[in-house]
Amino acid sequence: HMRSDGRLNKSFVCAPTHPEAKKAVLHYRVLSR
């Protein structure tokens, strides 16, 4: 869960109970190392 701070132009991980919390989901795979 994450929230965005417009003043800092940055996002932060937060608790699901935070009033500004939004669930974030992505899938990755490694192409090369």
PDB file of all heavy atoms in Angstrom:
ATOM      1  N   HIS A   1       0.865  -1.171   0.000  1.00  0.00           N
ATOM      2  CA  HIS A   1       0.000   0.000   0.000  1.00  0.00           C
ATOM      3  C   HIS A   1       0.905   1.225   0.000  1.00  0.00           C
ATOM      4  O   HIS A   1       1.959   1.241   0.655  1.00  0.00           O
ATOM      5  CB  HIS A   1      -0.929   0.002   1.206  1.00  0.00           C
ATOM      6  CG  HIS A   1      -2.073  -0.962   1.059  1.00  0.00           C
ATOM      7  ND1 HIS A   1      -1.935  -2.316   1.295  1.00  0.00           N
ATOM      8  CD2 HIS A   1      -3.368  -0.771   0.669  1.00  0.00           C
ATOM      9  CE1 HIS A   1      -3.092  -2.923   1.075  1.00  0.00           C
ATOM     10  NE2 HIS A   1      -3.967  -2.015   0.698  1.00  0.00           N
ATOM     11  N   MET A   2       0.522   2.233  -0.750  1.00  0.00           N
ATOM     12  CA  MET A   2       1.375   3.403  -0.886  1.00  0.00           C
ATOM     13  C   MET A   2       0.544   4.679  -0.892  1.00  0.00           C
ATOM     14  O   MET A   2      -0.661   4.661  -1.134  1.00  0.00           O
ATOM     15  CB  MET A   2       2.213   3.307  -2.168  1.00  0.00           C
ATOM     16  CG  MET A   2       1.419   3.154  -3.440  1.00  0.00           C
ATOM     17  SD  MET A   2       2.448   2.947  -4.924  1.00  0.00           S
ATOM     18  CE  MET A   2       3.104   4.601  -5.129  1.00  0.00           C
ATOM     19  N   ARG A   3       1.212   5.762  -0.612  1.00  0.00           N
ATOM     20  CA  ARG A   3       0.574   7.078  -0.668  1.00  0.00           C
ATOM     21  C   ARG A   3       1.525   8.031  -1.379  1.00  0.00           C
ATOM     22  O   ARG A   3       2.741   7.826  -1.406  1.00  0.00           O
ATOM     23  CB  ARG A   3       0.263   7.607   0.732  1.00  0.00           C
ATOM     24  CG  ARG A   3       1.491   7.865   1.591  1.00  0.00           C
ATOM     25  CD  ARG A   3       1.150   8.434   2.942  1.00  0.00           C
ATOM     26  NE  ARG A   3       2.369   8.690   3.723  1.00  0.00           N
ATOM     27  CZ  ARG A   3       3.075   9.820   3.642  1.00  0.00           C
ATOM     28  NH1 ARG A   3       2.690  10.790   2.805  1.00  0.00           N
ATOM     29  NH2 ARG A   3       4.169   9.985   4.366  1.00  0.00           N
ATOM     30  N   SER A   4       0.974   9.089  -1.940  1.00  0.00           N
ATOM     31  CA  SER A   4       1.771  10.066  -2.667  1.00  0.00           C
ATOM     32  C   SER A   4       1.754  11.392  -1.929  1.00  0.00           C
ATOM     33  O   SER A   4       0.709  11.830  -1.441  1.00  0.00           O
ATOM     34  CB  SER A   4       1.210  10.240  -4.072  1.00  0.00           C
ATOM     35  OG  SER A   4       1.936  11.216  -4.785  1.00  0.00           O
ATOM     36  N   ASP A   5       2.926  12.020  -1.827  1.00  0.00           N
ATOM     37  CA  ASP A   5       3.063  13.341  -1.212  1.00  0.00           C
ATOM     38  C   ASP A   5       3.353  14.345  -2.317  1.00  0.00           C
ATOM     39  O   ASP A   5       4.452  14.387  -2.858  1.00  0.00           O
ATOM     40  CB  ASP A   5       4.193  13.333  -0.176  1.00  0.00           C
ATOM     41  CG  ASP A   5       4.255  14.615   0.644  1.00  0.00           C
ATOM     42  OD1 ASP A   5       3.990  15.692   0.072  1.00  0.00           O
ATOM     43  OD2 ASP A   5       4.580  14.552   1.842  1.00  0.00           O
ATOM     44  N   GLY A   6       2.357  15.143  -2.667  1.00  0.00           N
ATOM     45  CA  GLY A   6       2.503  16.102  -3.758  1.00  0.00           C
ATOM     46  C   GLY A   6       3.534  17.171  -3.485  1.00  0.00           C
ATOM     47  O   GLY A   6       4.193  17.660  -4.403  1.00  0.00           O
ATOM     48  N   ARG A   7       3.694  17.560  -2.230  1.00  0.00           N
ATOM     49  CA  ARG A   7       4.670  18.602  -1.898  1.00  0.00           C
ATOM     50  C   ARG A   7       6.097  18.138  -2.159  1.00  0.00           C
ATOM     51  O   ARG A   7       6.939  18.912  -2.603  1.00  0.00           O
ATOM     52  CB  ARG A   7       4.517  19.013  -0.423  1.00  0.00           C
ATOM     53  CG  ARG A   7       3.202  19.718  -0.103  1.00  0.00           C
ATOM     54  CD  ARG A   7       3.034  19.861   1.387  1.00  0.00           C
ATOM     55  NE  ARG A   7       3.063  18.556   2.061  1.00  0.00           N
ATOM     56  CZ  ARG A   7       3.080  18.402   3.370  1.00  0.00           C
ATOM     57  NH1 ARG A   7       3.096  19.450   4.174  1.00  0.00           N
ATOM     58  NH2 ARG A   7       3.091  17.193   3.905  1.00  0.00           N
ATOM     59  N   LEU A   8       6.353  16.869  -1.894  1.00  0.00           N
ATOM     60  CA  LEU A   8       7.690  16.313  -2.107  1.00  0.00           C
ATOM     61  C   LEU A   8       7.832  15.666  -3.480  1.00  0.00           C
ATOM     62  O   LEU A   8       8.936  15.304  -3.874  1.00  0.00           O
ATOM     63  CB  LEU A   8       7.998  15.265  -1.030  1.00  0.00           C
ATOM     64  CG  LEU A   8       8.023  15.752   0.423  1.00  0.00           C
ATOM     65  CD1 LEU A   8       8.238  14.579   1.370  1.00  0.00           C
ATOM     66  CD2 LEU A   8       9.115  16.803   0.620  1.00  0.00           C
ATOM     67  N   ASN A   9       6.708  15.517  -4.193  1.00  0.00           N
ATOM     68  CA  ASN A   9       6.691  14.793  -5.467  1.00  0.00           C
ATOM     69  C   ASN A   9       7.342  13.429  -5.289  1.00  0.00           C
ATOM     70  O   ASN A   9       8.225  13.020  -6.044  1.00  0.00           O
ATOM     71  CB  ASN A   9       7.395  15.586  -6.571  1.00  0.00           C
ATOM     72  CG  ASN A   9       7.189  14.971  -7.941  1.00  0.00           C
ATOM     73  OD1 ASN A   9       6.168  14.340  -8.206  1.00  0.00           O
ATOM     74  ND2 ASN A   9       8.167  15.121  -8.819  1.00  0.00           N
ATOM     75  N   LYS A  10       6.858  12.712  -4.286  1.00  0.00           N
ATOM     76  CA  LYS A  10       7.427  11.408  -3.960  1.00  0.00           C
ATOM     77  C   LYS A  10       6.345  10.537  -3.351  1.00  0.00           C
ATOM     78  O   LYS A  10       5.407  11.036  -2.725  1.00  0.00           O
ATOM     79  CB  LYS A  10       8.598  11.569  -2.985  1.00  0.00           C
ATOM     80  CG  LYS A  10       9.406  10.293  -2.751  1.00  0.00           C
ATOM     81  CD  LYS A  10      10.637  10.570  -1.900  1.00  0.00           C
ATOM     82  CE  LYS A  10      11.450   9.288  -1.693  1.00  0.00           C
ATOM     83  NZ  LYS A  10      12.662   9.535  -0.880  1.00  0.00           N
ATOM     84  N   SER A  11       6.467   9.218  -3.541  1.00  0.00           N
ATOM     85  CA  SER A  11       5.521   8.268  -2.970  1.00  0.00           C
ATOM     86  C   SER A  11       6.187   7.449  -1.879  1.00  0.00           C
ATOM     87  O   SER A  11       7.413   7.267  -1.875  1.00  0.00           O
ATOM     88  CB  SER A  11       4.963   7.345  -4.062  1.00  0.00           C
ATOM     89  OG  SER A  11       4.188   8.082  -4.983  1.00  0.00           O
ATOM     90  N   PHE A  12       5.371   6.955  -0.959  1.00  0.00           N
ATOM     91  CA  PHE A  12       5.878   6.223   0.194  1.00  0.00           C
ATOM     92  C   PHE A  12       5.011   4.999   0.459  1.00  0.00           C
ATOM     93  O   PHE A  12       3.795   5.029   0.244  1.00  0.00           O
ATOM     94  CB  PHE A  12       5.852   7.106   1.451  1.00  0.00           C
ATOM     95  CG  PHE A  12       6.694   8.346   1.349  1.00  0.00           C
ATOM     96  CD1 PHE A  12       6.154   9.516   0.813  1.00  0.00           C
ATOM     97  CD2 PHE A  12       8.019   8.348   1.779  1.00  0.00           C
ATOM     98  CE1 PHE A  12       6.926  10.668   0.718  1.00  0.00           C
ATOM     99  CE2 PHE A  12       8.792   9.499   1.674  1.00  0.00           C
ATOM    100  CZ  PHE A  12       8.244  10.654   1.143  1.00  0.00           C
ATOM    101  N   VAL A  13       5.653   3.932   0.948  1.00  0.00           N
ATOM    102  CA  VAL A  13       4.903   2.775   1.420  1.00  0.00           C
ATOM    103  C   VAL A  13       4.216   3.165   2.721  1.00  0.00           C
ATOM    104  O   VAL A  13       4.781   3.887   3.549  1.00  0.00           O
ATOM    105  CB  VAL A  13       5.843   1.574   1.646  1.00  0.00           C
ATOM    106  CG1 VAL A  13       5.095   0.423   2.304  1.00  0.00           C
ATOM    107  CG2 VAL A  13       6.454   1.119   0.326  1.00  0.00           C
ATOM    108  N   CYS A  14       2.983   2.713   2.888  1.00  0.00           N
ATOM    109  CA  CYS A  14       2.246   3.051   4.100  1.00  0.00           C
ATOM    110  C   CYS A  14       1.385   1.872   4.530  1.00  0.00           C
ATOM    111  O   CYS A  14       1.250   0.874   3.812  1.00  0.00           O
ATOM    112  CB  CYS A  14       1.376   4.296   3.874  1.00  0.00           C
ATOM    113  SG  CYS A  14       0.039   4.058   2.673  1.00  0.00           S
ATOM    114  N   ALA A  15       0.782   1.994   5.699  1.00  0.00           N
ATOM    115  CA  ALA A  15      -0.107   0.951   6.211  1.00  0.00           C
ATOM    116  C   ALA A  15      -1.412   0.958   5.418  1.00  0.00           C
ATOM    117  O   ALA A  15      -1.853   2.011   4.956  1.00  0.00           O
ATOM    118  CB  ALA A  15      -0.389   1.183   7.690  1.00  0.00           C
ATOM    119  N   PRO A  16      -2.041  -0.206   5.274  1.00  0.00           N
ATOM    120  CA  PRO A  16      -3.321  -0.259   4.549  1.00  0.00           C
ATOM    121  C   PRO A  16      -4.394   0.623   5.162  1.00  0.00           C
ATOM    122  O   PRO A  16      -5.335   1.030   4.478  1.00  0.00           O
ATOM    123  CB  PRO A  16      -3.710  -1.737   4.639  1.00  0.00           C
ATOM    124  CG  PRO A  16      -2.444  -2.464   4.908  1.00  0.00           C
ATOM    125  CD  PRO A  16      -1.592  -1.528   5.716  1.00  0.00           C
ATOM    126  N   THR A  17      -4.243   0.912   6.455  1.00  0.00           N
ATOM    127  CA  THR A  17      -5.240   1.722   7.161  1.00  0.00           C
ATOM    128  C   THR A  17      -5.032   3.221   7.000  1.00  0.00           C
ATOM    129  O   THR A  17      -5.857   4.012   7.451  1.00  0.00           O
ATOM    130  CB  THR A  17      -5.213   1.374   8.667  1.00  0.00           C
ATOM    131  OG1 THR A  17      -3.856   1.519   9.156  1.00  0.00           O
ATOM    132  CG2 THR A  17      -5.667  -0.057   8.901  1.00  0.00           C
ATOM    133  N   HIS A  18      -3.925   3.616   6.372  1.00  0.00           N
ATOM    134  CA  HIS A  18      -3.677   5.048   6.176  1.00  0.00           C
ATOM    135  C   HIS A  18      -4.796   5.634   5.314  1.00  0.00           C
ATOM    136  O   HIS A  18      -5.219   4.998   4.328  1.00  0.00           O
ATOM    137  CB  HIS A  18      -2.320   5.255   5.502  1.00  0.00           C
ATOM    138  CG  HIS A  18      -1.849   6.675   5.490  1.00  0.00           C
ATOM    139  ND1 HIS A  18      -2.358   7.620   4.617  1.00  0.00           N
ATOM    140  CD2 HIS A  18      -0.929   7.324   6.254  1.00  0.00           C
ATOM    141  CE1 HIS A  18      -1.764   8.776   4.828  1.00  0.00           C
ATOM    142  NE2 HIS A  18      -0.894   8.623   5.823  1.00  0.00           N
ATOM    143  N   PRO A  19      -5.295   6.826   5.663  1.00  0.00           N
ATOM    144  CA  PRO A  19      -6.425   7.385   4.904  1.00  0.00           C
ATOM    145  C   PRO A  19      -6.140   7.626   3.427  1.00  0.00           C
ATOM    146  O   PRO A  19      -7.074   7.680   2.624  1.00  0.00           O
ATOM    147  CB  PRO A  19      -6.715   8.710   5.630  1.00  0.00           C
ATOM    148  CG  PRO A  19      -5.490   9.001   6.439  1.00  0.00           C
ATOM    149  CD  PRO A  19      -4.923   7.673   6.804  1.00  0.00           C
ATOM    150  N   GLU A  20      -4.873   7.764   3.039  1.00  0.00           N
ATOM    151  CA  GLU A  20      -4.524   7.994   1.642  1.00  0.00           C
ATOM    152  C   GLU A  20      -3.960   6.739   0.966  1.00  0.00           C
ATOM    153  O   GLU A  20      -3.465   6.807  -0.158  1.00  0.00           O
ATOM    154  CB  GLU A  20      -3.504   9.131   1.530  1.00  0.00           C
ATOM    155  CG  GLU A  20      -4.018  10.469   2.048  1.00  0.00           C
ATOM    156  CD  GLU A  20      -2.946  11.536   2.042  1.00  0.00           C
ATOM    157  OE1 GLU A  20      -1.867  11.290   1.476  1.00  0.00           O
ATOM    158  OE2 GLU A  20      -3.192  12.612   2.608  1.00  0.00           O
ATOM    159  N   ALA A  21      -4.038   5.608   1.646  1.00  0.00           N
ATOM    160  CA  ALA A  21      -3.439   4.374   1.126  1.00  0.00           C
ATOM    161  C   ALA A  21      -4.130   3.888  -0.136  1.00  0.00           C
ATOM    162  O   ALA A  21      -5.356   3.899  -0.237  1.00  0.00           O
ATOM    163  CB  ALA A  21      -3.491   3.282   2.192  1.00  0.00           C
ATOM    164  N   LYS A  22      -3.308   3.475  -1.114  1.00  0.00           N
ATOM    165  CA  LYS A  22      -3.801   2.843  -2.330  1.00  0.00           C
ATOM    166  C   LYS A  22      -2.992   1.575  -2.555  1.00  0.00           C
ATOM    167  O   LYS A  22      -1.761   1.576  -2.422  1.00  0.00           O
ATOM    168  CB  LYS A  22      -3.656   3.774  -3.531  1.00  0.00           C
ATOM    169  CG  LYS A  22      -4.551   5.000  -3.461  1.00  0.00           C
ATOM    170  CD  LYS A  22      -4.407   5.867  -4.700  1.00  0.00           C
ATOM    171  CE  LYS A  22      -5.341   7.065  -4.644  1.00  0.00           C
ATOM    172  NZ  LYS A  22      -5.193   7.932  -5.841  1.00  0.00           N
ATOM    173  N   LYS A  23      -3.675   0.495  -2.906  1.00  0.00           N
ATOM    174  CA  LYS A  23      -2.986  -0.766  -3.134  1.00  0.00           C
ATOM    175  C   LYS A  23      -2.216  -0.702  -4.442  1.00  0.00           C
ATOM    176  O   LYS A  23      -2.716  -0.213  -5.455  1.00  0.00           O
ATOM    177  CB  LYS A  23      -3.980  -1.922  -3.173  1.00  0.00           C
ATOM    178  CG  LYS A  23      -3.317  -3.290  -3.205  1.00  0.00           C
ATOM    179  CD  LYS A  23      -4.339  -4.408  -3.103  1.00  0.00           C
ATOM    180  CE  LYS A  23      -3.661  -5.775  -3.063  1.00  0.00           C
ATOM    181  NZ  LYS A  23      -4.640  -6.874  -2.931  1.00  0.00           N
ATOM    182  N   ALA A  24      -0.981  -1.190  -4.410  1.00  0.00           N
ATOM    183  CA  ALA A  24      -0.110  -1.190  -5.594  1.00  0.00           C
ATOM    184  C   ALA A  24       0.353  -2.616  -5.865  1.00  0.00           C
ATOM    185  O   ALA A  24       0.863  -3.287  -4.964  1.00  0.00           O
ATOM    186  CB  ALA A  24       1.088  -0.280  -5.372  1.00  0.00           C
ATOM    187  N   VAL A  25       0.179  -3.059  -7.114  1.00  0.00           N
ATOM    188  CA  VAL A  25       0.558  -4.421  -7.494  1.00  0.00           C
ATOM    189  C   VAL A  25       1.275  -4.384  -8.835  1.00  0.00           C
ATOM    190  O   VAL A  25       0.811  -3.724  -9.776  1.00  0.00           O
ATOM    191  CB  VAL A  25      -0.674  -5.347  -7.608  1.00  0.00           C
ATOM    192  CG1 VAL A  25      -0.234  -6.788  -7.855  1.00  0.00           C
ATOM    193  CG2 VAL A  25      -1.548  -5.258  -6.363  1.00  0.00           C
ATOM    194  N   LEU A  26       2.400  -5.077  -8.913  1.00  0.00           N
ATOM    195  CA  LEU A  26       3.095  -5.252 -10.192  1.00  0.00           C
ATOM    196  C   LEU A  26       3.708  -6.643 -10.238  1.00  0.00           C
ATOM    197  O   LEU A  26       3.902  -7.287  -9.205  1.00  0.00           O
ATOM    198  CB  LEU A  26       4.155  -4.169 -10.418  1.00  0.00           C
ATOM    199  CG  LEU A  26       5.380  -4.073  -9.480  1.00  0.00           C
ATOM    200  CD1 LEU A  26       6.442  -5.138  -9.778  1.00  0.00           C
ATOM    201  CD2 LEU A  26       6.014  -2.706  -9.610  1.00  0.00           C
ATOM    202  N   HIS A  27       4.006  -7.078 -11.444  1.00  0.00           N
ATOM    203  CA  HIS A  27       4.678  -8.356 -11.644  1.00  0.00           C
ATOM    204  C   HIS A  27       5.962  -8.098 -12.422  1.00  0.00           C
ATOM    205  O   HIS A  27       5.964  -7.341 -13.385  1.00  0.00           O
ATOM    206  CB  HIS A  27       3.787  -9.331 -12.421  1.00  0.00           C
ATOM    207  CG  HIS A  27       4.377 -10.697 -12.561  1.00  0.00           C
ATOM    208  ND1 HIS A  27       4.253 -11.672 -11.590  1.00  0.00           N
ATOM    209  CD2 HIS A  27       5.121 -11.250 -13.550  1.00  0.00           C
ATOM    210  CE1 HIS A  27       4.885 -12.752 -11.972  1.00  0.00           C
ATOM    211  NE2 HIS A  27       5.423 -12.537 -13.164  1.00  0.00           N
ATOM    212  N   TYR A  28       7.054  -8.708 -11.989  1.00  0.00           N
ATOM    213  CA  TYR A  28       8.322  -8.539 -12.713  1.00  0.00           C
ATOM    214  C   TYR A  28       8.926  -9.903 -13.022  1.00  0.00           C
ATOM    215  O   TYR A  28       8.648 -10.902 -12.367  1.00  0.00           O
ATOM    216  CB  TYR A  28       9.316  -7.697 -11.904  1.00  0.00           C
ATOM    217  CG  TYR A  28      10.028  -8.466 -10.805  1.00  0.00           C
ATOM    218  CD1 TYR A  28      11.173  -9.226 -11.073  1.00  0.00           C
ATOM    219  CD2 TYR A  28       9.560  -8.441  -9.490  1.00  0.00           C
ATOM    220  CE1 TYR A  28      11.816  -9.937 -10.066  1.00  0.00           C
ATOM    221  CE2 TYR A  28      10.193  -9.150  -8.490  1.00  0.00           C
ATOM    222  CZ  TYR A  28      11.314  -9.896  -8.791  1.00  0.00           C
ATOM    223  OH  TYR A  28      11.945 -10.624  -7.806  1.00  0.00           O
ATOM    224  N   ARG A  29       9.756  -9.903 -14.054  1.00  0.00           N
ATOM    225  CA  ARG A  29      10.608 -11.065 -14.317  1.00  0.00           C
ATOM    226  C   ARG A  29      11.966 -10.559 -14.772  1.00  0.00           C
ATOM    227  O   ARG A  29      12.066  -9.521 -15.425  1.00  0.00           O
ATOM    228  CB  ARG A  29      10.005 -12.014 -15.339  1.00  0.00           C
ATOM    229  CG  ARG A  29       9.894 -11.493 -16.749  1.00  0.00           C
ATOM    230  CD  ARG A  29       9.168 -12.498 -17.651  1.00  0.00           C
ATOM    231  NE  ARG A  29       9.081 -12.035 -19.034  1.00  0.00           N
ATOM    232  CZ  ARG A  29       9.906 -12.400 -20.001  1.00  0.00           C
ATOM    233  NH1 ARG A  29      10.908 -13.242 -19.760  1.00  0.00           N
ATOM    234  NH2 ARG A  29       9.757 -11.935 -21.235  1.00  0.00           N
ATOM    235  N   VAL A  30      12.997 -11.297 -14.413  1.00  0.00           N
ATOM    236  CA  VAL A  30      14.360 -10.915 -14.760  1.00  0.00           C
ATOM    237  C   VAL A  30      14.649 -11.350 -16.192  1.00  0.00           C
ATOM    238  O   VAL A  30      14.527 -12.522 -16.529  1.00  0.00           O
ATOM    239  CB  VAL A  30      15.381 -11.553 -13.792  1.00  0.00           C
ATOM    240  CG1 VAL A  30      16.805 -11.194 -14.213  1.00  0.00           C
ATOM    241  CG2 VAL A  30      15.119 -11.098 -12.360  1.00  0.00           C
ATOM    242  N   LEU A  31      15.046 -10.391 -17.026  1.00  0.00           N
ATOM    243  CA  LEU A  31      15.416 -10.701 -18.406  1.00  0.00           C
ATOM    244  C   LEU A  31      16.879 -11.110 -18.517  1.00  0.00           C
ATOM    245  O   LEU A  31      17.229 -11.997 -19.292  1.00  0.00           O
ATOM    246  CB  LEU A  31      15.147  -9.492 -19.308  1.00  0.00           C
ATOM    247  CG  LEU A  31      13.687  -9.046 -19.437  1.00  0.00           C
ATOM    248  CD1 LEU A  31      13.597  -7.811 -20.328  1.00  0.00           C
ATOM    249  CD2 LEU A  31      12.824 -10.164 -20.009  1.00  0.00           C
ATOM    250  N   SER A  32      17.749 -10.439 -17.735  1.00  0.00           N
ATOM    251  CA  SER A  32      19.171 -10.778 -17.756  1.00  0.00           C
ATOM    252  C   SER A  32      19.848 -10.171 -16.536  1.00  0.00           C
ATOM    253  O   SER A  32      19.320  -9.247 -15.896  1.00  0.00           O
ATOM    254  CB  SER A  32      19.847 -10.278 -19.040  1.00  0.00           C
ATOM    255  OG  SER A  32      19.834  -8.867 -19.086  1.00  0.00           O
ATOM    256  N   ARG A  33      21.027 -10.668 -16.222  1.00  0.00           N
ATOM    257  CA  ARG A  33      21.813 -10.185 -15.080  1.00  0.00           C
ATOM    258  C   ARG A  33      23.225  -9.853 -15.545  1.00  0.00           C
ATOM    259  O   ARG A  33      23.820 -10.617 -16.310  1.00  0.00           O
ATOM    260  CB  ARG A  33      21.869 -11.231 -13.961  1.00  0.00           C
ATOM    261  CG  ARG A  33      20.508 -11.661 -13.418  1.00  0.00           C
ATOM    262  CD  ARG A  33      20.656 -12.801 -12.414  1.00  0.00           C
ATOM    263  NE  ARG A  33      19.367 -13.348 -11.992  1.00  0.00           N
ATOM    264  CZ  ARG A  33      18.698 -12.952 -10.913  1.00  0.00           C
ATOM    265  NH1 ARG A  33      19.215 -11.991 -10.143  1.00  0.00           N
ATOM    266  NH2 ARG A  33      17.543 -13.510 -10.604  1.00  0.00           N
TER     267      ARG A  33
END
